[in-house]
Amino acid sequence: MVSSWSGELLESGTALDSDYLVGQLRQPVLFGDAVEALTAAGCRRFLELGPDAVLSPAGRRIAPNSTWIPAQRLGQDPVLATM
């Protein structure tokens, strides 16, 4: 797992406690750094979990040889959106 707060891989067993979650809310999101860290670690398939496909297009630009699947699309039935 990668932190979008630091843009770096998290150590195995890292606790995502309240301090970490508050930091996620208050600090800039380093989405590009996080995607680059994941692709450097060999990840090529990404599932976007959220209310719409907001990050998938940016992820495709950052990692062009990857596959991005948004789990939901605004205005679509959540089950049909993943099919």
C-alpha atoms as a PDB file:
ATOM      1  CA  MET A   1       0.000   0.000   0.000  1.00  0.00           C
ATOM      2  CA  VAL A   2       1.158   3.529  -0.773  1.00  0.00           C
ATOM      3  CA  SER A   3       0.393   6.676   1.160  1.00  0.00           C
ATOM      4  CA  SER A   4      -0.996   9.461  -0.989  1.00  0.00           C
ATOM      5  CA  TRP A   5       0.124  11.779   1.813  1.00  0.00           C
ATOM      6  CA  SER A   6       3.823  10.942   1.410  1.00  0.00           C
ATOM      7  CA  GLY A   7       3.737   9.303  -2.033  1.00  0.00           C
ATOM      8  CA  GLU A   8       5.780   6.395  -0.669  1.00  0.00           C
ATOM      9  CA  LEU A   9       5.252   2.714   0.000  1.00  0.00           C
ATOM     10  CA  LEU A  10       4.068   2.031   3.543  1.00  0.00           C
ATOM     11  CA  GLU A  11       5.931  -0.443   5.706  1.00  0.00           C
ATOM     12  CA  SER A  12       4.122  -3.723   6.278  1.00  0.00           C
ATOM     13  CA  GLY A  13       1.965  -3.412   9.377  1.00  0.00           C
ATOM     14  CA  THR A  14       1.815   0.394   9.319  1.00  0.00           C
ATOM     15  CA  ALA A  15      -1.093   1.504  11.482  1.00  0.00           C
ATOM     16  CA  LEU A  16      -3.438   3.888   9.755  1.00  0.00           C
ATOM     17  CA  ASP A  17      -4.416   5.594  12.993  1.00  0.00           C
ATOM     18  CA  SER A  18      -6.298   8.838  13.567  1.00  0.00           C
ATOM     19  CA  ASP A  19      -3.124  10.956  13.220  1.00  0.00           C
ATOM     20  CA  TYR A  20      -2.471   9.460   9.795  1.00  0.00           C
ATOM     21  CA  LEU A  21      -6.077   9.985   8.682  1.00  0.00           C
ATOM     22  CA  VAL A  22      -6.111  13.602   9.905  1.00  0.00           C
ATOM     23  CA  GLY A  23      -2.887  14.176   7.977  1.00  0.00           C
ATOM     24  CA  GLN A  24      -4.572  12.808   4.855  1.00  0.00           C
ATOM     25  CA  LEU A  25      -7.291  15.450   5.253  1.00  0.00           C
ATOM     26  CA  ARG A  26      -4.983  18.377   5.982  1.00  0.00           C
ATOM     27  CA  GLN A  27      -2.040  17.774   3.659  1.00  0.00           C
ATOM     28  CA  PRO A  28      -1.882  17.900  -0.140  1.00  0.00           C
ATOM     29  CA  VAL A  29      -2.498  14.588  -1.861  1.00  0.00           C
ATOM     30  CA  LEU A  30       0.554  13.328  -3.760  1.00  0.00           C
ATOM     31  CA  PHE A  31      -1.404  11.180  -6.184  1.00  0.00           C
ATOM     32  CA  GLY A  32       1.231  11.245  -8.923  1.00  0.00           C
ATOM     33  CA  ASP A  33       3.995  10.263  -6.517  1.00  0.00           C
ATOM     34  CA  ALA A  34       1.838   7.444  -5.153  1.00  0.00           C
ATOM     35  CA  VAL A  35       1.098   6.085  -8.644  1.00  0.00           C
ATOM     36  CA  GLU A  36       4.777   6.269  -9.578  1.00  0.00           C
ATOM     37  CA  ALA A  37       5.729   4.377  -6.396  1.00  0.00           C
ATOM     38  CA  LEU A  38       3.172   1.678  -7.156  1.00  0.00           C
ATOM     39  CA  THR A  39       4.282   1.269 -10.780  1.00  0.00           C
ATOM     40  CA  ALA A  40       7.923   1.122  -9.647  1.00  0.00           C
ATOM     41  CA  ALA A  41       6.850  -1.725  -7.346  1.00  0.00           C
ATOM     42  CA  GLY A  42       5.349  -3.555 -10.345  1.00  0.00           C
ATOM     43  CA  CYS A  43       1.663  -2.611 -10.086  1.00  0.00           C
ATOM     44  CA  ARG A  44      -0.078  -2.256 -13.426  1.00  0.00           C
ATOM     45  CA  ARG A  45      -3.766  -2.668 -12.530  1.00  0.00           C
ATOM     46  CA  PHE A  46      -5.640  -0.146 -10.420  1.00  0.00           C
ATOM     47  CA  LEU A  47      -9.171  -0.127  -9.027  1.00  0.00           C
ATOM     48  CA  GLU A  48     -10.494   3.344  -8.239  1.00  0.00           C
ATOM     49  CA  LEU A  49     -12.853   3.265  -5.268  1.00  0.00           C
ATOM     50  CA  GLY A  50     -14.942   6.401  -5.124  1.00  0.00           C
ATOM     51  CA  PRO A  51     -18.197   7.979  -6.239  1.00  0.00           C
ATOM     52  CA  ASP A  52     -16.985   8.697  -9.797  1.00  0.00           C
ATOM     53  CA  ALA A  53     -14.081   8.065 -12.167  1.00  0.00           C
ATOM     54  CA  VAL A  54     -12.150  11.187 -11.161  1.00  0.00           C
ATOM     55  CA  LEU A  55      -8.625   9.810 -10.720  1.00  0.00           C
ATOM     56  CA  SER A  56      -8.548   7.108 -13.402  1.00  0.00           C
ATOM     57  CA  PRO A  57      -7.840   9.519 -16.309  1.00  0.00           C
ATOM     58  CA  ALA A  58      -4.969  11.130 -14.372  1.00  0.00           C
ATOM     59  CA  GLY A  59      -3.624   7.702 -13.453  1.00  0.00           C
ATOM     60  CA  ARG A  60      -3.602   6.670 -17.115  1.00  0.00           C
ATOM     61  CA  ARG A  61      -1.562   9.773 -17.996  1.00  0.00           C
ATOM     62  CA  ILE A  62       0.939   9.124 -15.190  1.00  0.00           C
ATOM     63  CA  ALA A  63       1.246   5.387 -15.927  1.00  0.00           C
ATOM     64  CA  PRO A  64       0.296   4.888 -19.593  1.00  0.00           C
ATOM     65  CA  ASN A  65       1.026   1.141 -19.567  1.00  0.00           C
ATOM     66  CA  SER A  66      -1.460   0.482 -16.778  1.00  0.00           C
ATOM     67  CA  THR A  67      -5.132  -0.446 -16.528  1.00  0.00           C
ATOM     68  CA  TRP A  68      -7.520   1.685 -14.463  1.00  0.00           C
ATOM     69  CA  ILE A  69     -10.988   0.501 -13.509  1.00  0.00           C
ATOM     70  CA  PRO A  70     -13.352   2.914 -11.753  1.00  0.00           C
ATOM     71  CA  ALA A  71     -15.697   1.037  -9.422  1.00  0.00           C
ATOM     72  CA  GLN A  72     -18.495   3.578  -9.805  1.00  0.00           C
ATOM     73  CA  ARG A  73     -19.680   6.204 -12.255  1.00  0.00           C
ATOM     74  CA  LEU A  74     -21.760   9.187 -11.209  1.00  0.00           C
ATOM     75  CA  GLY A  75     -25.358   8.685 -12.225  1.00  0.00           C
ATOM     76  CA  GLN A  76     -24.967   4.964 -12.966  1.00  0.00           C
ATOM     77  CA  ASP A  77     -26.104   1.977 -10.996  1.00  0.00           C
ATOM     78  CA  PRO A  78     -23.015   0.927  -8.942  1.00  0.00           C
ATOM     79  CA  VAL A  79     -23.379  -2.716  -9.978  1.00  0.00           C
ATOM     80  CA  LEU A  80     -23.634  -1.921 -13.688  1.00  0.00           C
ATOM     81  CA  ALA A  81     -20.771   0.580 -13.554  1.00  0.00           C
ATOM     82  CA  THR A  82     -18.270  -2.165 -12.704  1.00  0.00           C
ATOM     83  CA  MET A  83     -19.338  -4.451 -15.520  1.00  0.00           C
END
